[in-house]
Amino acid sequence: RETALRELVPTHEFAFQVLAQEAVRFNEFRRFPLLKA
């Protein structure tokens, strides 16, 4: 579960970012389990 990952595996995190000509078009961090990620 995402709540369990946040509490028990705090180092797990990933981010997806889209930078176009120095402008940030997408920037989100998540802690989903890997298949969902």
PDB file of all heavy atoms in Angstrom:
ATOM      1  N   ARG A   1       0.850  -1.188   0.000  1.00  0.00           N
ATOM      2  CA  ARG A   1       0.000   0.000   0.000  1.00  0.00           C
ATOM      3  C   ARG A   1       0.889   1.242   0.000  1.00  0.00           C
ATOM      4  O   ARG A   1       1.974   1.246   0.588  1.00  0.00           O
ATOM      5  CB  ARG A   1      -0.911   0.010   1.224  1.00  0.00           C
ATOM      6  CG  ARG A   1      -1.863  -1.190   1.328  1.00  0.00           C
ATOM      7  CD  ARG A   1      -2.696  -1.103   2.596  1.00  0.00           C
ATOM      8  NE  ARG A   1      -3.471  -2.309   2.806  1.00  0.00           N
ATOM      9  CZ  ARG A   1      -4.688  -2.528   2.281  1.00  0.00           C
ATOM     10  NH1 ARG A   1      -5.256  -1.585   1.527  1.00  0.00           N
ATOM     11  NH2 ARG A   1      -5.325  -3.655   2.510  1.00  0.00           N
ATOM     12  N   GLU A   2       0.390   2.303  -0.615  1.00  0.00           N
ATOM     13  CA  GLU A   2       1.166   3.532  -0.666  1.00  0.00           C
ATOM     14  C   GLU A   2       1.445   4.073   0.729  1.00  0.00           C
ATOM     15  O   GLU A   2       2.539   4.582   0.998  1.00  0.00           O
ATOM     16  CB  GLU A   2       0.441   4.578  -1.511  1.00  0.00           C
ATOM     17  CG  GLU A   2       1.259   5.831  -1.728  1.00  0.00           C
ATOM     18  CD  GLU A   2       0.567   6.838  -2.619  1.00  0.00           C
ATOM     19  OE1 GLU A   2      -0.476   6.491  -3.225  1.00  0.00           O
ATOM     20  OE2 GLU A   2       1.065   7.983  -2.710  1.00  0.00           O
ATOM     21  N   THR A   3       0.472   3.962   1.633  1.00  0.00           N
ATOM     22  CA  THR A   3       0.681   4.450   3.002  1.00  0.00           C
ATOM     23  C   THR A   3       1.780   3.664   3.701  1.00  0.00           C
ATOM     24  O   THR A   3       2.584   4.232   4.445  1.00  0.00           O
ATOM     25  CB  THR A   3      -0.623   4.339   3.806  1.00  0.00           C
ATOM     26  OG1 THR A   3      -1.133   2.986   3.711  1.00  0.00           O
ATOM     27  CG2 THR A   3      -1.666   5.313   3.277  1.00  0.00           C
ATOM     28  N   ALA A   4       1.845   2.361   3.446  1.00  0.00           N
ATOM     29  CA  ALA A   4       2.890   1.533   4.055  1.00  0.00           C
ATOM     30  C   ALA A   4       4.253   1.888   3.492  1.00  0.00           C
ATOM     31  O   ALA A   4       5.253   1.936   4.223  1.00  0.00           O
ATOM     32  CB  ALA A   4       2.586   0.053   3.819  1.00  0.00           C
ATOM     33  N   LEU A   5       4.314   2.156   2.197  1.00  0.00           N
ATOM     34  CA  LEU A   5       5.583   2.538   1.591  1.00  0.00           C
ATOM     35  C   LEU A   5       6.089   3.862   2.154  1.00  0.00           C
ATOM     36  O   LEU A   5       7.286   4.026   2.410  1.00  0.00           O
ATOM     37  CB  LEU A   5       5.427   2.644   0.068  1.00  0.00           C
ATOM     38  CG  LEU A   5       5.341   1.308  -0.696  1.00  0.00           C
ATOM     39  CD1 LEU A   5       4.950   1.545  -2.140  1.00  0.00           C
ATOM     40  CD2 LEU A   5       6.652   0.559  -0.611  1.00  0.00           C
ATOM     41  N   ARG A   6       5.183   4.803   2.348  1.00  0.00           N
ATOM     42  CA  ARG A   6       5.594   6.098   2.902  1.00  0.00           C
ATOM     43  C   ARG A   6       6.195   5.933   4.296  1.00  0.00           C
ATOM     44  O   ARG A   6       7.167   6.600   4.651  1.00  0.00           O
ATOM     45  CB  ARG A   6       4.396   7.042   2.967  1.00  0.00           C
ATOM     46  CG  ARG A   6       3.953   7.566   1.624  1.00  0.00           C
ATOM     47  CD  ARG A   6       2.758   8.495   1.769  1.00  0.00           C
ATOM     48  NE  ARG A   6       2.371   9.063   0.499  1.00  0.00           N
ATOM     49  CZ  ARG A   6       2.910  10.149  -0.038  1.00  0.00           C
ATOM     50  NH1 ARG A   6       3.869  10.789   0.625  1.00  0.00           N
ATOM     51  NH2 ARG A   6       2.496  10.605  -1.199  1.00  0.00           N
ATOM     52  N   GLU A   7       5.620   5.026   5.064  1.00  0.00           N
ATOM     53  CA  GLU A   7       6.053   4.869   6.452  1.00  0.00           C
ATOM     54  C   GLU A   7       7.242   3.930   6.593  1.00  0.00           C
ATOM     55  O   GLU A   7       8.176   4.214   7.353  1.00  0.00           O
ATOM     56  CB  GLU A   7       4.881   4.337   7.294  1.00  0.00           C
ATOM     57  CG  GLU A   7       5.236   4.117   8.755  1.00  0.00           C
ATOM     58  CD  GLU A   7       4.062   3.571   9.560  1.00  0.00           C
ATOM     59  OE1 GLU A   7       2.933   3.516   9.015  1.00  0.00           O
ATOM     60  OE2 GLU A   7       4.287   3.200  10.730  1.00  0.00           O
ATOM     61  N   LEU A   8       7.241   2.832   5.850  1.00  0.00           N
ATOM     62  CA  LEU A   8       8.238   1.782   6.063  1.00  0.00           C
ATOM     63  C   LEU A   8       9.406   1.832   5.078  1.00  0.00           C
ATOM     64  O   LEU A   8      10.483   1.315   5.383  1.00  0.00           O
ATOM     65  CB  LEU A   8       7.554   0.406   5.964  1.00  0.00           C
ATOM     66  CG  LEU A   8       6.430   0.161   6.978  1.00  0.00           C
ATOM     67  CD1 LEU A   8       5.728  -1.154   6.675  1.00  0.00           C
ATOM     68  CD2 LEU A   8       6.973   0.156   8.399  1.00  0.00           C
ATOM     69  N   VAL A   9       9.198   2.445   3.917  1.00  0.00           N
ATOM     70  CA  VAL A   9      10.283   2.568   2.921  1.00  0.00           C
ATOM     71  C   VAL A   9      10.367   4.036   2.500  1.00  0.00           C
ATOM     72  O   VAL A   9      10.031   4.402   1.367  1.00  0.00           O
ATOM     73  CB  VAL A   9      10.041   1.665   1.692  1.00  0.00           C
ATOM     74  CG1 VAL A   9      11.307   1.582   0.832  1.00  0.00           C
ATOM     75  CG2 VAL A   9       9.599   0.269   2.097  1.00  0.00           C
ATOM     76  N   PRO A  10      10.798   4.907   3.397  1.00  0.00           N
ATOM     77  CA  PRO A  10      10.786   6.355   3.114  1.00  0.00           C
ATOM     78  C   PRO A  10      11.725   6.770   1.994  1.00  0.00           C
ATOM     79  O   PRO A  10      11.586   7.873   1.461  1.00  0.00           O
ATOM     80  CB  PRO A  10      11.208   6.975   4.454  1.00  0.00           C
ATOM     81  CG  PRO A  10      11.991   5.899   5.138  1.00  0.00           C
ATOM     82  CD  PRO A  10      11.337   4.607   4.743  1.00  0.00           C
ATOM     83  N   THR A  11      12.674   5.917   1.623  1.00  0.00           N
ATOM     84  CA  THR A  11      13.600   6.292   0.548  1.00  0.00           C
ATOM     85  C   THR A  11      12.991   6.074  -0.836  1.00  0.00           C
ATOM     86  O   THR A  11      13.545   6.546  -1.832  1.00  0.00           O
ATOM     87  CB  THR A  11      14.893   5.470   0.644  1.00  0.00           C
ATOM     88  OG1 THR A  11      14.563   4.071   0.634  1.00  0.00           O
ATOM     89  CG2 THR A  11      15.657   5.806   1.918  1.00  0.00           C
ATOM     90  N   HIS A  12      11.860   5.364  -0.895  1.00  0.00           N
ATOM     91  CA  HIS A  12      11.250   5.093  -2.208  1.00  0.00           C
ATOM     92  C   HIS A  12      10.457   6.307  -2.680  1.00  0.00           C
ATOM     93  O   HIS A  12       9.500   6.736  -2.035  1.00  0.00           O
ATOM     94  CB  HIS A  12      10.325   3.877  -2.124  1.00  0.00           C
ATOM     95  CG  HIS A  12       9.454   3.701  -3.333  1.00  0.00           C
ATOM     96  ND1 HIS A  12       9.964   3.623  -4.608  1.00  0.00           N
ATOM     97  CD2 HIS A  12       8.093   3.611  -3.461  1.00  0.00           C
ATOM     98  CE1 HIS A  12       8.976   3.473  -5.477  1.00  0.00           C
ATOM     99  NE2 HIS A  12       7.829   3.480  -4.803  1.00  0.00           N
ATOM    100  N   GLU A  13      10.876   6.850  -3.820  1.00  0.00           N
ATOM    101  CA  GLU A  13      10.179   7.993  -4.409  1.00  0.00           C
ATOM    102  C   GLU A  13      10.644   8.127  -5.857  1.00  0.00           C
ATOM    103  O   GLU A  13      11.780   7.794  -6.197  1.00  0.00           O
ATOM    104  CB  GLU A  13      10.504   9.266  -3.632  1.00  0.00           C
ATOM    105  CG  GLU A  13       9.691  10.475  -4.071  1.00  0.00           C
ATOM    106  CD  GLU A  13       9.995  11.716  -3.231  1.00  0.00           C
ATOM    107  OE1 GLU A  13      11.150  11.840  -2.771  1.00  0.00           O
ATOM    108  OE2 GLU A  13       9.087  12.550  -3.050  1.00  0.00           O
ATOM    109  N   PHE A  14       9.759   8.595  -6.707  1.00  0.00           N
ATOM    110  CA  PHE A  14      10.144   8.854  -8.091  1.00  0.00           C
ATOM    111  C   PHE A  14       9.446  10.123  -8.559  1.00  0.00           C
ATOM    112  O   PHE A  14       8.440  10.552  -7.993  1.00  0.00           O
ATOM    113  CB  PHE A  14       9.789   7.668  -9.003  1.00  0.00           C
ATOM    114  CG  PHE A  14       8.319   7.367  -9.096  1.00  0.00           C
ATOM    115  CD1 PHE A  14       7.545   7.935 -10.098  1.00  0.00           C
ATOM    116  CD2 PHE A  14       7.712   6.518  -8.186  1.00  0.00           C
ATOM    117  CE1 PHE A  14       6.182   7.670 -10.188  1.00  0.00           C
ATOM    118  CE2 PHE A  14       6.357   6.236  -8.269  1.00  0.00           C
ATOM    119  CZ  PHE A  14       5.581   6.815  -9.279  1.00  0.00           C
ATOM    120  N   ALA A  15      10.034  10.738  -9.583  1.00  0.00           N
ATOM    121  CA  ALA A  15       9.510  12.004 -10.091  1.00  0.00           C
ATOM    122  C   ALA A  15       9.497  11.981 -11.608  1.00  0.00           C
ATOM    123  O   ALA A  15      10.393  11.416 -12.249  1.00  0.00           O
ATOM    124  CB  ALA A  15      10.374  13.159  -9.601  1.00  0.00           C
ATOM    125  N   PHE A  16       8.467  12.591 -12.188  1.00  0.00           N
ATOM    126  CA  PHE A  16       8.407  12.794 -13.627  1.00  0.00           C
ATOM    127  C   PHE A  16       8.342  14.293 -13.884  1.00  0.00           C
ATOM    128  O   PHE A  16       7.455  14.985 -13.362  1.00  0.00           O
ATOM    129  CB  PHE A  16       7.189  12.098 -14.235  1.00  0.00           C
ATOM    130  CG  PHE A  16       7.050  12.319 -15.716  1.00  0.00           C
ATOM    131  CD1 PHE A  16       8.124  12.100 -16.570  1.00  0.00           C
ATOM    132  CD2 PHE A  16       5.852  12.750 -16.259  1.00  0.00           C
ATOM    133  CE1 PHE A  16       8.001  12.312 -17.932  1.00  0.00           C
ATOM    134  CE2 PHE A  16       5.719  12.956 -17.621  1.00  0.00           C
ATOM    135  CZ  PHE A  16       6.803  12.732 -18.464  1.00  0.00           C
ATOM    136  N   GLN A  17       9.278  14.780 -14.677  1.00  0.00           N
ATOM    137  CA  GLN A  17       9.376  16.216 -14.932  1.00  0.00           C
ATOM    138  C   GLN A  17       9.519  16.450 -16.437  1.00  0.00           C
ATOM    139  O   GLN A  17      10.250  15.734 -17.115  1.00  0.00           O
ATOM    140  CB  GLN A  17      10.586  16.814 -14.206  1.00  0.00           C
ATOM    141  CG  GLN A  17      10.540  16.610 -12.692  1.00  0.00           C
ATOM    142  CD  GLN A  17      11.871  16.893 -12.023  1.00  0.00           C
ATOM    143  OE1 GLN A  17      12.900  16.440 -12.505  1.00  0.00           O
ATOM    144  NE2 GLN A  17      11.849  17.633 -10.930  1.00  0.00           N
ATOM    145  N   VAL A  18       8.821  17.451 -16.929  1.00  0.00           N
ATOM    146  CA  VAL A  18       8.945  17.866 -18.321  1.00  0.00           C
ATOM    147  C   VAL A  18       9.386  19.319 -18.324  1.00  0.00           C
ATOM    148  O   VAL A  18       8.675  20.200 -17.835  1.00  0.00           O
ATOM    149  CB  VAL A  18       7.614  17.713 -19.089  1.00  0.00           C
ATOM    150  CG1 VAL A  18       7.773  18.196 -20.528  1.00  0.00           C
ATOM    151  CG2 VAL A  18       7.152  16.262 -19.068  1.00  0.00           C
ATOM    152  N   LEU A  19      10.579  19.557 -18.863  1.00  0.00           N
ATOM    153  CA  LEU A  19      11.160  20.901 -18.913  1.00  0.00           C
ATOM    154  C   LEU A  19      11.367  21.271 -20.371  1.00  0.00           C
ATOM    155  O   LEU A  19      12.157  20.645 -21.066  1.00  0.00           O
ATOM    156  CB  LEU A  19      12.491  20.948 -18.162  1.00  0.00           C
ATOM    157  CG  LEU A  19      12.490  20.373 -16.725  1.00  0.00           C
ATOM    158  CD1 LEU A  19      13.889  20.440 -16.143  1.00  0.00           C
ATOM    159  CD2 LEU A  19      11.508  21.131 -15.844  1.00  0.00           C
ATOM    160  N   ALA A  20      10.651  22.273 -20.840  1.00  0.00           N
ATOM    161  CA  ALA A  20      10.765  22.715 -22.222  1.00  0.00           C
ATOM    162  C   ALA A  20      11.228  24.158 -22.247  1.00  0.00           C
ATOM    163  O   ALA A  20      10.529  25.048 -21.740  1.00  0.00           O
ATOM    164  CB  ALA A  20       9.420  22.586 -22.939  1.00  0.00           C
ATOM    165  N   GLN A  21      12.414  24.376 -22.814  1.00  0.00           N
ATOM    166  CA  GLN A  21      13.002  25.711 -22.887  1.00  0.00           C
ATOM    167  C   GLN A  21      12.982  26.395 -21.521  1.00  0.00           C
ATOM    168  O   GLN A  21      12.557  27.535 -21.364  1.00  0.00           O
ATOM    169  CB  GLN A  21      12.254  26.564 -23.931  1.00  0.00           C
ATOM    170  CG  GLN A  21      12.354  25.990 -25.333  1.00  0.00           C
ATOM    171  CD  GLN A  21      11.585  26.796 -26.354  1.00  0.00           C
ATOM    172  OE1 GLN A  21      10.808  27.675 -26.004  1.00  0.00           O
ATOM    173  NE2 GLN A  21      11.815  26.501 -27.623  1.00  0.00           N
ATOM    174  N   GLU A  22      13.419  25.626 -20.529  1.00  0.00           N
ATOM    175  CA  GLU A  22      13.557  26.077 -19.145  1.00  0.00           C
ATOM    176  C   GLU A  22      12.218  26.313 -18.445  1.00  0.00           C
ATOM    177  O   GLU A  22      12.188  26.754 -17.296  1.00  0.00           O
ATOM    178  CB  GLU A  22      14.411  27.347 -19.059  1.00  0.00           C
ATOM    179  CG  GLU A  22      15.825  27.153 -19.603  1.00  0.00           C
ATOM    180  CD  GLU A  22      16.665  28.404 -19.458  1.00  0.00           C
ATOM    181  OE1 GLU A  22      16.137  29.417 -18.957  1.00  0.00           O
ATOM    182  OE2 GLU A  22      17.853  28.352 -19.830  1.00  0.00           O
ATOM    183  N   ALA A  23      11.112  26.024 -19.122  1.00  0.00           N
ATOM    184  CA  ALA A  23       9.795  26.149 -18.491  1.00  0.00           C
ATOM    185  C   ALA A  23       9.357  24.780 -17.981  1.00  0.00           C
ATOM    186  O   ALA A  23       9.526  23.767 -18.653  1.00  0.00           O
ATOM    187  CB  ALA A  23       8.784  26.690 -19.491  1.00  0.00           C
ATOM    188  N   VAL A  24       8.800  24.740 -16.777  1.00  0.00           N
ATOM    189  CA  VAL A  24       8.342  23.488 -16.176  1.00  0.00           C
ATOM    190  C   VAL A  24       6.913  23.222 -16.615  1.00  0.00           C
ATOM    191  O   VAL A  24       5.989  23.948 -16.241  1.00  0.00           O
ATOM    192  CB  VAL A  24       8.428  23.553 -14.636  1.00  0.00           C
ATOM    193  CG1 VAL A  24       7.957  22.239 -14.036  1.00  0.00           C
ATOM    194  CG2 VAL A  24       9.852  23.860 -14.194  1.00  0.00           C
ATOM    195  N   ARG A  25       6.720  22.173 -17.416  1.00  0.00           N
ATOM    196  CA  ARG A  25       5.383  21.846 -17.911  1.00  0.00           C
ATOM    197  C   ARG A  25       4.737  20.727 -17.104  1.00  0.00           C
ATOM    198  O   ARG A  25       3.520  20.558 -17.122  1.00  0.00           O
ATOM    199  CB  ARG A  25       5.468  21.445 -19.386  1.00  0.00           C
ATOM    200  CG  ARG A  25       6.007  22.566 -20.280  1.00  0.00           C
ATOM    201  CD  ARG A  25       6.188  22.107 -21.715  1.00  0.00           C
ATOM    202  NE  ARG A  25       4.941  21.653 -22.311  1.00  0.00           N
ATOM    203  CZ  ARG A  25       4.842  21.111 -23.514  1.00  0.00           C
ATOM    204  NH1 ARG A  25       5.940  20.958 -24.258  1.00  0.00           N
ATOM    205  NH2 ARG A  25       3.687  20.726 -24.002  1.00  0.00           N
ATOM    206  N   PHE A  26       5.553  19.936 -16.431  1.00  0.00           N
ATOM    207  CA  PHE A  26       5.027  18.834 -15.604  1.00  0.00           C
ATOM    208  C   PHE A  26       6.062  18.542 -14.541  1.00  0.00           C
ATOM    209  O   PHE A  26       7.245  18.439 -14.835  1.00  0.00           O
ATOM    210  CB  PHE A  26       4.790  17.592 -16.466  1.00  0.00           C
ATOM    211  CG  PHE A  26       3.946  16.528 -15.817  1.00  0.00           C
ATOM    212  CD1 PHE A  26       2.611  16.380 -16.134  1.00  0.00           C
ATOM    213  CD2 PHE A  26       4.494  15.666 -14.865  1.00  0.00           C
ATOM    214  CE1 PHE A  26       1.833  15.391 -15.537  1.00  0.00           C
ATOM    215  CE2 PHE A  26       3.731  14.689 -14.265  1.00  0.00           C
ATOM    216  CZ  PHE A  26       2.392  14.550 -14.601  1.00  0.00           C
ATOM    217  N   ASN A  27       5.631  18.408 -13.299  1.00  0.00           N
ATOM    218  CA  ASN A  27       6.581  18.154 -12.214  1.00  0.00           C
ATOM    219  C   ASN A  27       5.851  17.531 -11.032  1.00  0.00           C
ATOM    220  O   ASN A  27       5.267  18.234 -10.207  1.00  0.00           O
ATOM    221  CB  ASN A  27       7.261  19.455 -11.780  1.00  0.00           C
ATOM    222  CG  ASN A  27       8.320  19.216 -10.719  1.00  0.00           C
ATOM    223  OD1 ASN A  27       8.928  18.155 -10.661  1.00  0.00           O
ATOM    224  ND2 ASN A  27       8.533  20.192  -9.841  1.00  0.00           N
ATOM    225  N   GLU A  28       5.854  16.221 -10.963  1.00  0.00           N
ATOM    226  CA  GLU A  28       5.139  15.528  -9.889  1.00  0.00           C
ATOM    227  C   GLU A  28       5.998  14.414  -9.298  1.00  0.00           C
ATOM    228  O   GLU A  28       6.693  13.711 -10.030  1.00  0.00           O
ATOM    229  CB  GLU A  28       3.813  14.955 -10.394  1.00  0.00           C
ATOM    230  CG  GLU A  28       2.800  16.025 -10.778  1.00  0.00           C
ATOM    231  CD  GLU A  28       1.421  15.449 -10.998  1.00  0.00           C
ATOM    232  OE1 GLU A  28       1.144  14.343 -10.466  1.00  0.00           O
ATOM    233  OE2 GLU A  28       0.613  16.095 -11.689  1.00  0.00           O
ATOM    234  N   PHE A  29       5.905  14.267  -7.967  1.00  0.00           N
ATOM    235  CA  PHE A  29       6.613  13.222  -7.230  1.00  0.00           C
ATOM    236  C   PHE A  29       5.575  12.235  -6.695  1.00  0.00           C
ATOM    237  O   PHE A  29       4.504  12.641  -6.230  1.00  0.00           O
ATOM    238  CB  PHE A  29       7.406  13.821  -6.071  1.00  0.00           C
ATOM    239  CG  PHE A  29       8.635  14.591  -6.491  1.00  0.00           C
ATOM    240  CD1 PHE A  29       8.515  15.836  -7.095  1.00  0.00           C
ATOM    241  CD2 PHE A  29       9.907  14.073  -6.277  1.00  0.00           C
ATOM    242  CE1 PHE A  29       9.638  16.556  -7.493  1.00  0.00           C
ATOM    243  CE2 PHE A  29      11.032  14.784  -6.664  1.00  0.00           C
ATOM    244  CZ  PHE A  29      10.897  16.029  -7.272  1.00  0.00           C
ATOM    245  N   ARG A  30       5.893  10.962  -6.752  1.00  0.00           N
ATOM    246  CA  ARG A  30       4.966   9.928  -6.300  1.00  0.00           C
ATOM    247  C   ARG A  30       5.713   8.846  -5.513  1.00  0.00           C
ATOM    248  O   ARG A  30       6.923   8.696  -5.630  1.00  0.00           O
ATOM    249  CB  ARG A  30       4.250   9.285  -7.489  1.00  0.00           C
ATOM    250  CG  ARG A  30       3.283  10.217  -8.213  1.00  0.00           C
ATOM    251  CD  ARG A  30       2.043  10.477  -7.351  1.00  0.00           C
ATOM    252  NE  ARG A  30       1.043  11.252  -8.075  1.00  0.00           N
ATOM    253  CZ  ARG A  30       0.960  12.559  -8.082  1.00  0.00           C
ATOM    254  NH1 ARG A  30       1.863  13.278  -7.404  1.00  0.00           N
ATOM    255  NH2 ARG A  30       0.007  13.171  -8.755  1.00  0.00           N
ATOM    256  N   ARG A  31       4.960   8.054  -4.747  1.00  0.00           N
ATOM    257  CA  ARG A  31       5.501   6.925  -3.986  1.00  0.00           C
ATOM    258  C   ARG A  31       4.675   5.665  -4.246  1.00  0.00           C
ATOM    259  O   ARG A  31       4.473   4.846  -3.366  1.00  0.00           O
ATOM    260  CB  ARG A  31       5.510   7.242  -2.484  1.00  0.00           C
ATOM    261  CG  ARG A  31       6.423   8.399  -2.091  1.00  0.00           C
ATOM    262  CD  ARG A  31       6.375   8.647  -0.594  1.00  0.00           C
ATOM    263  NE  ARG A  31       7.150   9.804  -0.189  1.00  0.00           N
ATOM    264  CZ  ARG A  31       8.442   9.767   0.132  1.00  0.00           C
ATOM    265  NH1 ARG A  31       9.081   8.615   0.097  1.00  0.00           N
ATOM    266  NH2 ARG A  31       9.084  10.859   0.476  1.00  0.00           N
ATOM    267  N   PHE A  32       4.198   5.504  -5.465  1.00  0.00           N
ATOM    268  CA  PHE A  32       3.395   4.348  -5.809  1.00  0.00           C
ATOM    269  C   PHE A  32       4.236   3.070  -5.758  1.00  0.00           C
ATOM    270  O   PHE A  32       5.451   3.108  -5.963  1.00  0.00           O
ATOM    271  CB  PHE A  32       2.838   4.484  -7.229  1.00  0.00           C
ATOM    272  CG  PHE A  32       1.900   5.640  -7.425  1.00  0.00           C
ATOM    273  CD1 PHE A  32       1.803   6.263  -8.657  1.00  0.00           C
ATOM    274  CD2 PHE A  32       1.103   6.101  -6.385  1.00  0.00           C
ATOM    275  CE1 PHE A  32       0.941   7.320  -8.858  1.00  0.00           C
ATOM    276  CE2 PHE A  32       0.233   7.164  -6.569  1.00  0.00           C
ATOM    277  CZ  PHE A  32       0.157   7.777  -7.806  1.00  0.00           C
ATOM    278  N   PRO A  33       3.598   1.915  -5.530  1.00  0.00           N
ATOM    279  CA  PRO A  33       4.311   0.642  -5.714  1.00  0.00           C
ATOM    280  C   PRO A  33       4.770   0.528  -7.166  1.00  0.00           C
ATOM    281  O   PRO A  33       4.208   1.165  -8.066  1.00  0.00           O
ATOM    282  CB  PRO A  33       3.270  -0.417  -5.334  1.00  0.00           C
ATOM    283  CG  PRO A  33       1.957   0.293  -5.370  1.00  0.00           C
ATOM    284  CD  PRO A  33       2.216   1.720  -5.042  1.00  0.00           C
ATOM    285  N   LEU A  34       5.770  -0.289  -7.412  1.00  0.00           N
ATOM    286  CA  LEU A  34       6.496  -0.228  -8.677  1.00  0.00           C
ATOM    287  C   LEU A  34       5.650  -0.523  -9.911  1.00  0.00           C
ATOM    288  O   LEU A  34       5.824   0.134 -10.948  1.00  0.00           O
ATOM    289  CB  LEU A  34       7.692  -1.177  -8.636  1.00  0.00           C
ATOM    290  CG  LEU A  34       8.750  -0.871  -7.565  1.00  0.00           C
ATOM    291  CD1 LEU A  34       9.980  -1.746  -7.777  1.00  0.00           C
ATOM    292  CD2 LEU A  34       9.131   0.599  -7.576  1.00  0.00           C
ATOM    293  N   LEU A  35       4.762  -1.490  -9.856  1.00  0.00           N
ATOM    294  CA  LEU A  35       3.961  -1.798 -11.042  1.00  0.00           C
ATOM    295  C   LEU A  35       3.032  -0.639 -11.382  1.00  0.00           C
ATOM    296  O   LEU A  35       2.878  -0.277 -12.551  1.00  0.00           O
ATOM    297  CB  LEU A  35       3.164  -3.089 -10.829  1.00  0.00           C
ATOM    298  CG  LEU A  35       4.003  -4.345 -10.561  1.00  0.00           C
ATOM    299  CD1 LEU A  35       3.109  -5.554 -10.369  1.00  0.00           C
ATOM    300  CD2 LEU A  35       4.981  -4.586 -11.709  1.00  0.00           C
ATOM    301  N   LYS A  36       2.442  -0.054 -10.370  1.00  0.00           N
ATOM    302  CA  LYS A  36       1.600   1.119 -10.589  1.00  0.00           C
ATOM    303  C   LYS A  36       2.448   2.300 -11.058  1.00  0.00           C
ATOM    304  O   LYS A  36       2.022   3.098 -11.905  1.00  0.00           O
ATOM    305  CB  LYS A  36       0.854   1.481  -9.295  1.00  0.00           C
ATOM    306  CG  LYS A  36      -0.091   2.655  -9.435  1.00  0.00           C
ATOM    307  CD  LYS A  36      -0.829   2.927  -8.129  1.00  0.00           C
ATOM    308  CE  LYS A  36      -1.771   4.126  -8.262  1.00  0.00           C
ATOM    309  NZ  LYS A  36      -2.483   4.408  -6.974  1.00  0.00           N
ATOM    310  N   ALA A  37       3.659   2.393 -10.519  1.00  0.00           N
ATOM    311  CA  ALA A  37       4.558   3.481 -10.909  1.00  0.00           C
ATOM    312  C   ALA A  37       4.886   3.408 -12.396  1.00  0.00           C
ATOM    313  O   ALA A  37       4.879   4.425 -13.107  1.00  0.00           O
ATOM    314  CB  ALA A  37       5.840   3.414 -10.080  1.00  0.00           C
TER     315      ALA A  37
END
